[in-house]
Amino acid sequence: MLVGGMAAGAFLAVDASSLAWYLASRAEGDGAGGLFFAGLGAVVVGFGLMGAAYRKFRYGEQYEFRSGPKKGLLDLGGGKDILRQVEEVTSWFNQ
């Protein structure tokens, strides 16, 4: 997620905006202003995509060994199913 998001965001922020600004410098009339703001929009969208990719990578879902819904930090379910969870983890390592 991080690599793809950073690559796409950097492409938009650097390459797409550079192309739009180059075309804006060659254009005349209202097209030049539109291309300038399109390049500016590409920079904003590119940095936004990179930020979203980082947040998804950093705070995304983690894989955990659980037998049911998530519980609180100190709630172990009264000791139920702890041995079964330990057996699941150790059997996964023994594969």
N, C-alpha and C. Protein backbone atom coordinates (compact mmCIF):
# COMPACT_ATOMS: atom_id res chain seq x y z
N MET A 1 0.82 -1.19 0.00
CA MET A 1 0.00 0.00 0.00
C MET A 1 0.87 1.26 0.00
N LEU A 2 1.90 1.23 0.81
CA LEU A 2 2.76 2.40 0.92
C LEU A 2 3.49 2.67 -0.39
N VAL A 3 4.08 1.65 -0.97
CA VAL A 3 4.88 1.84 -2.19
C VAL A 3 4.00 2.29 -3.36
N GLY A 4 2.87 1.65 -3.53
CA GLY A 4 1.96 2.03 -4.62
C GLY A 4 1.40 3.43 -4.48
N GLY A 5 1.01 3.77 -3.27
CA GLY A 5 0.47 5.11 -3.01
C GLY A 5 1.50 6.20 -3.19
N MET A 6 2.70 5.94 -2.72
CA MET A 6 3.77 6.93 -2.88
C MET A 6 4.16 7.09 -4.35
N ALA A 7 4.20 5.99 -5.08
CA ALA A 7 4.55 6.07 -6.51
C ALA A 7 3.49 6.84 -7.29
N ALA A 8 2.22 6.52 -7.06
CA ALA A 8 1.14 7.22 -7.78
C ALA A 8 1.07 8.69 -7.37
N GLY A 9 1.22 8.95 -6.08
CA GLY A 9 1.17 10.33 -5.62
C GLY A 9 2.33 11.17 -6.15
N ALA A 10 3.52 10.58 -6.17
CA ALA A 10 4.68 11.30 -6.69
C ALA A 10 4.54 11.54 -8.19
N PHE A 11 3.98 10.56 -8.91
CA PHE A 11 3.76 10.75 -10.34
C PHE A 11 2.82 11.93 -10.59
N LEU A 12 1.73 11.99 -9.83
CA LEU A 12 0.79 13.10 -10.00
C LEU A 12 1.41 14.43 -9.58
N ALA A 13 2.08 14.44 -8.43
CA ALA A 13 2.60 15.69 -7.89
C ALA A 13 3.76 16.25 -8.72
N VAL A 14 4.55 15.39 -9.32
CA VAL A 14 5.73 15.87 -10.04
C VAL A 14 5.51 15.84 -11.55
N ASP A 15 5.25 14.66 -12.09
CA ASP A 15 5.21 14.52 -13.55
C ASP A 15 3.95 15.14 -14.17
N ALA A 16 2.79 14.84 -13.61
CA ALA A 16 1.55 15.36 -14.19
C ALA A 16 1.48 16.88 -14.06
N SER A 17 1.90 17.39 -12.90
CA SER A 17 1.86 18.85 -12.73
C SER A 17 2.89 19.54 -13.64
N SER A 18 4.06 18.94 -13.81
CA SER A 18 5.07 19.52 -14.71
C SER A 18 4.57 19.57 -16.14
N LEU A 19 3.93 18.50 -16.57
CA LEU A 19 3.38 18.48 -17.93
C LEU A 19 2.29 19.53 -18.10
N ALA A 20 1.41 19.64 -17.10
CA ALA A 20 0.33 20.64 -17.19
C ALA A 20 0.91 22.05 -17.21
N TRP A 21 1.92 22.33 -16.40
CA TRP A 21 2.51 23.67 -16.39
C TRP A 21 3.31 23.96 -17.65
N TYR A 22 3.94 22.93 -18.21
CA TYR A 22 4.63 23.12 -19.48
C TYR A 22 3.64 23.47 -20.59
N LEU A 23 2.54 22.73 -20.63
CA LEU A 23 1.51 23.01 -21.64
C LEU A 23 0.87 24.37 -21.40
N ALA A 24 0.74 24.78 -20.13
CA ALA A 24 0.18 26.09 -19.82
C ALA A 24 1.09 27.21 -20.29
N SER A 25 2.40 26.98 -20.22
CA SER A 25 3.34 28.02 -20.68
C SER A 25 3.31 28.16 -22.19
N ARG A 26 2.89 27.12 -22.91
CA ARG A 26 2.81 27.16 -24.37
C ARG A 26 1.43 27.58 -24.88
N ALA A 27 0.43 27.50 -24.02
CA ALA A 27 -0.94 27.79 -24.44
C ALA A 27 -1.21 29.29 -24.37
N GLU A 28 -2.29 29.66 -25.02
CA GLU A 28 -2.72 31.06 -25.02
C GLU A 28 -4.18 31.14 -24.59
N GLY A 29 -4.54 32.24 -23.99
CA GLY A 29 -5.94 32.49 -23.63
C GLY A 29 -6.36 31.76 -22.36
N ASP A 30 -7.63 31.35 -22.35
CA ASP A 30 -8.20 30.70 -21.17
C ASP A 30 -7.62 29.32 -20.92
N GLY A 31 -7.11 28.67 -21.95
CA GLY A 31 -6.52 27.34 -21.78
C GLY A 31 -5.30 27.36 -20.88
N ALA A 32 -4.54 28.44 -20.92
CA ALA A 32 -3.34 28.54 -20.08
C ALA A 32 -3.70 28.57 -18.60
N GLY A 33 -4.72 29.34 -18.25
CA GLY A 33 -5.15 29.40 -16.85
C GLY A 33 -5.71 28.07 -16.37
N GLY A 34 -6.47 27.41 -17.23
CA GLY A 34 -7.03 26.11 -16.86
C GLY A 34 -5.94 25.06 -16.65
N LEU A 35 -4.95 25.06 -17.51
CA LEU A 35 -3.86 24.10 -17.36
C LEU A 35 -3.01 24.41 -16.12
N PHE A 36 -2.83 25.70 -15.81
CA PHE A 36 -2.09 26.06 -14.59
C PHE A 36 -2.80 25.50 -13.36
N PHE A 37 -4.11 25.70 -13.28
CA PHE A 37 -4.85 25.22 -12.11
C PHE A 37 -4.98 23.70 -12.12
N ALA A 38 -4.96 23.08 -13.30
CA ALA A 38 -4.95 21.61 -13.36
C ALA A 38 -3.64 21.08 -12.78
N GLY A 39 -2.53 21.75 -13.08
CA GLY A 39 -1.24 21.35 -12.50
C GLY A 39 -1.22 21.54 -11.00
N LEU A 40 -1.79 22.64 -10.54
CA LEU A 40 -1.88 22.88 -9.10
C LEU A 40 -2.75 21.82 -8.42
N GLY A 41 -3.83 21.46 -9.08
CA GLY A 41 -4.70 20.39 -8.56
C GLY A 41 -3.98 19.06 -8.51
N ALA A 42 -3.14 18.78 -9.52
CA ALA A 42 -2.38 17.53 -9.53
C ALA A 42 -1.41 17.47 -8.36
N VAL A 43 -0.81 18.61 -8.01
CA VAL A 43 0.10 18.64 -6.86
C VAL A 43 -0.68 18.34 -5.57
N VAL A 44 -1.83 18.96 -5.41
CA VAL A 44 -2.63 18.76 -4.19
C VAL A 44 -3.11 17.32 -4.10
N VAL A 45 -3.63 16.78 -5.21
CA VAL A 45 -4.12 15.40 -5.21
C VAL A 45 -2.97 14.42 -4.98
N GLY A 46 -1.81 14.69 -5.57
CA GLY A 46 -0.65 13.81 -5.39
C GLY A 46 -0.19 13.74 -3.95
N PHE A 47 -0.06 14.90 -3.31
CA PHE A 47 0.35 14.90 -1.90
C PHE A 47 -0.74 14.30 -1.02
N GLY A 48 -2.00 14.51 -1.37
CA GLY A 48 -3.09 13.89 -0.61
C GLY A 48 -3.06 12.37 -0.72
N LEU A 49 -2.76 11.88 -1.92
CA LEU A 49 -2.66 10.43 -2.12
C LEU A 49 -1.49 9.84 -1.34
N MET A 50 -0.37 10.55 -1.34
CA MET A 50 0.77 10.07 -0.56
C MET A 50 0.46 10.06 0.93
N GLY A 51 -0.23 11.09 1.41
CA GLY A 51 -0.61 11.13 2.82
C GLY A 51 -1.58 10.02 3.19
N ALA A 52 -2.55 9.76 2.31
CA ALA A 52 -3.51 8.69 2.57
C ALA A 52 -2.83 7.33 2.55
N ALA A 53 -1.89 7.13 1.64
CA ALA A 53 -1.16 5.85 1.58
C ALA A 53 -0.34 5.64 2.84
N TYR A 54 0.29 6.69 3.33
CA TYR A 54 1.07 6.55 4.56
C TYR A 54 0.16 6.21 5.74
N ARG A 55 -0.97 6.90 5.84
CA ARG A 55 -1.89 6.64 6.96
C ARG A 55 -2.44 5.22 6.90
N LYS A 56 -2.75 4.74 5.69
CA LYS A 56 -3.24 3.37 5.55
C LYS A 56 -2.17 2.36 5.94
N PHE A 57 -0.92 2.64 5.53
CA PHE A 57 0.18 1.75 5.89
C PHE A 57 0.45 1.78 7.38
N ARG A 58 0.49 2.95 7.95
CA ARG A 58 0.88 3.10 9.35
C ARG A 58 -0.20 2.63 10.31
N TYR A 59 -1.45 2.96 10.03
CA TYR A 59 -2.53 2.67 10.96
C TYR A 59 -3.49 1.63 10.41
N GLY A 60 -3.09 0.85 9.42
CA GLY A 60 -3.96 -0.14 8.81
C GLY A 60 -4.17 -1.36 9.70
N GLU A 61 -4.91 -2.28 9.19
CA GLU A 61 -5.25 -3.51 9.92
C GLU A 61 -4.01 -4.36 10.12
N GLN A 62 -3.92 -4.96 11.28
CA GLN A 62 -2.84 -5.88 11.58
C GLN A 62 -3.44 -7.27 11.73
N TYR A 63 -2.66 -8.27 11.36
CA TYR A 63 -3.11 -9.64 11.52
C TYR A 63 -2.76 -10.12 12.92
N GLU A 64 -3.78 -10.63 13.61
CA GLU A 64 -3.58 -11.11 14.97
C GLU A 64 -4.28 -12.45 15.10
N PHE A 65 -3.79 -13.26 16.00
CA PHE A 65 -4.44 -14.52 16.29
C PHE A 65 -5.54 -14.28 17.31
N ARG A 66 -6.78 -14.32 16.85
CA ARG A 66 -7.92 -14.12 17.74
C ARG A 66 -8.98 -15.15 17.38
N SER A 67 -9.73 -15.56 18.37
CA SER A 67 -10.78 -16.54 18.12
C SER A 67 -12.16 -15.89 18.03
N GLY A 68 -12.25 -14.61 18.27
CA GLY A 68 -13.54 -13.96 18.25
C GLY A 68 -13.37 -12.48 18.02
N PRO A 69 -14.38 -11.70 18.36
CA PRO A 69 -14.27 -10.25 18.16
C PRO A 69 -13.21 -9.65 19.07
N LYS A 70 -12.73 -8.48 18.68
CA LYS A 70 -11.70 -7.81 19.48
C LYS A 70 -12.24 -7.48 20.87
N LYS A 71 -11.36 -7.60 21.83
CA LYS A 71 -11.72 -7.31 23.21
C LYS A 71 -10.83 -6.19 23.70
N GLY A 72 -11.14 -5.69 24.87
CA GLY A 72 -10.33 -4.63 25.45
C GLY A 72 -8.93 -5.12 25.78
N LEU A 73 -8.06 -4.19 26.12
CA LEU A 73 -6.67 -4.51 26.38
C LEU A 73 -6.51 -5.47 27.56
N LEU A 74 -7.27 -5.26 28.62
CA LEU A 74 -7.13 -6.10 29.81
C LEU A 74 -8.18 -7.19 29.91
N ASP A 75 -9.11 -7.26 28.98
CA ASP A 75 -10.17 -8.25 29.01
C ASP A 75 -9.69 -9.52 28.31
N LEU A 76 -9.41 -10.55 29.07
CA LEU A 76 -8.97 -11.81 28.49
C LEU A 76 -10.08 -12.84 28.45
N GLY A 77 -11.28 -12.43 28.71
CA GLY A 77 -12.41 -13.36 28.66
C GLY A 77 -12.45 -14.29 29.86
N GLY A 78 -11.86 -13.90 30.95
CA GLY A 78 -11.92 -14.72 32.15
C GLY A 78 -11.09 -15.99 32.04
N GLY A 79 -10.10 -16.04 31.17
CA GLY A 79 -9.25 -17.21 31.05
C GLY A 79 -9.76 -18.25 30.08
N LYS A 80 -10.92 -18.02 29.47
CA LYS A 80 -11.47 -18.97 28.51
C LYS A 80 -10.68 -18.94 27.21
N ASP A 81 -10.49 -20.03 26.62
CA ASP A 81 -9.91 -20.19 25.29
C ASP A 81 -8.45 -19.75 25.19
N ILE A 82 -7.78 -19.49 26.27
CA ILE A 82 -6.38 -19.08 26.19
C ILE A 82 -5.52 -20.25 25.73
N LEU A 83 -5.78 -21.43 26.27
CA LEU A 83 -5.01 -22.60 25.84
C LEU A 83 -5.24 -22.92 24.38
N ARG A 84 -6.46 -22.75 23.92
CA ARG A 84 -6.76 -23.00 22.51
C ARG A 84 -6.02 -22.00 21.62
N GLN A 85 -5.95 -20.75 22.03
CA GLN A 85 -5.21 -19.75 21.26
C GLN A 85 -3.73 -20.05 21.23
N VAL A 86 -3.17 -20.50 22.35
CA VAL A 86 -1.75 -20.87 22.39
C VAL A 86 -1.50 -22.05 21.47
N GLU A 87 -2.41 -23.03 21.46
CA GLU A 87 -2.26 -24.19 20.58
C GLU A 87 -2.33 -23.77 19.11
N GLU A 88 -3.21 -22.83 18.77
CA GLU A 88 -3.31 -22.37 17.39
C GLU A 88 -2.01 -21.69 16.95
N VAL A 89 -1.45 -20.87 17.81
CA VAL A 89 -0.22 -20.16 17.47
C VAL A 89 0.93 -21.13 17.32
N THR A 90 1.07 -22.05 18.28
CA THR A 90 2.19 -22.99 18.19
C THR A 90 2.04 -23.94 17.02
N SER A 91 0.82 -24.35 16.69
CA SER A 91 0.64 -25.21 15.51
C SER A 91 0.95 -24.46 14.23
N TRP A 92 0.70 -23.16 14.21
CA TRP A 92 1.02 -22.37 13.02
C TRP A 92 2.53 -22.31 12.83
N PHE A 93 3.30 -22.18 13.93
CA PHE A 93 4.76 -22.16 13.85
C PHE A 93 5.33 -23.51 13.46
N ASN A 94 4.65 -24.59 13.82
CA ASN A 94 5.16 -25.94 13.53
C ASN A 94 4.88 -26.40 12.12
N GLN A 95 4.16 -25.65 11.36
CA GLN A 95 3.83 -26.06 9.98
C GLN A 95 5.00 -25.99 9.07
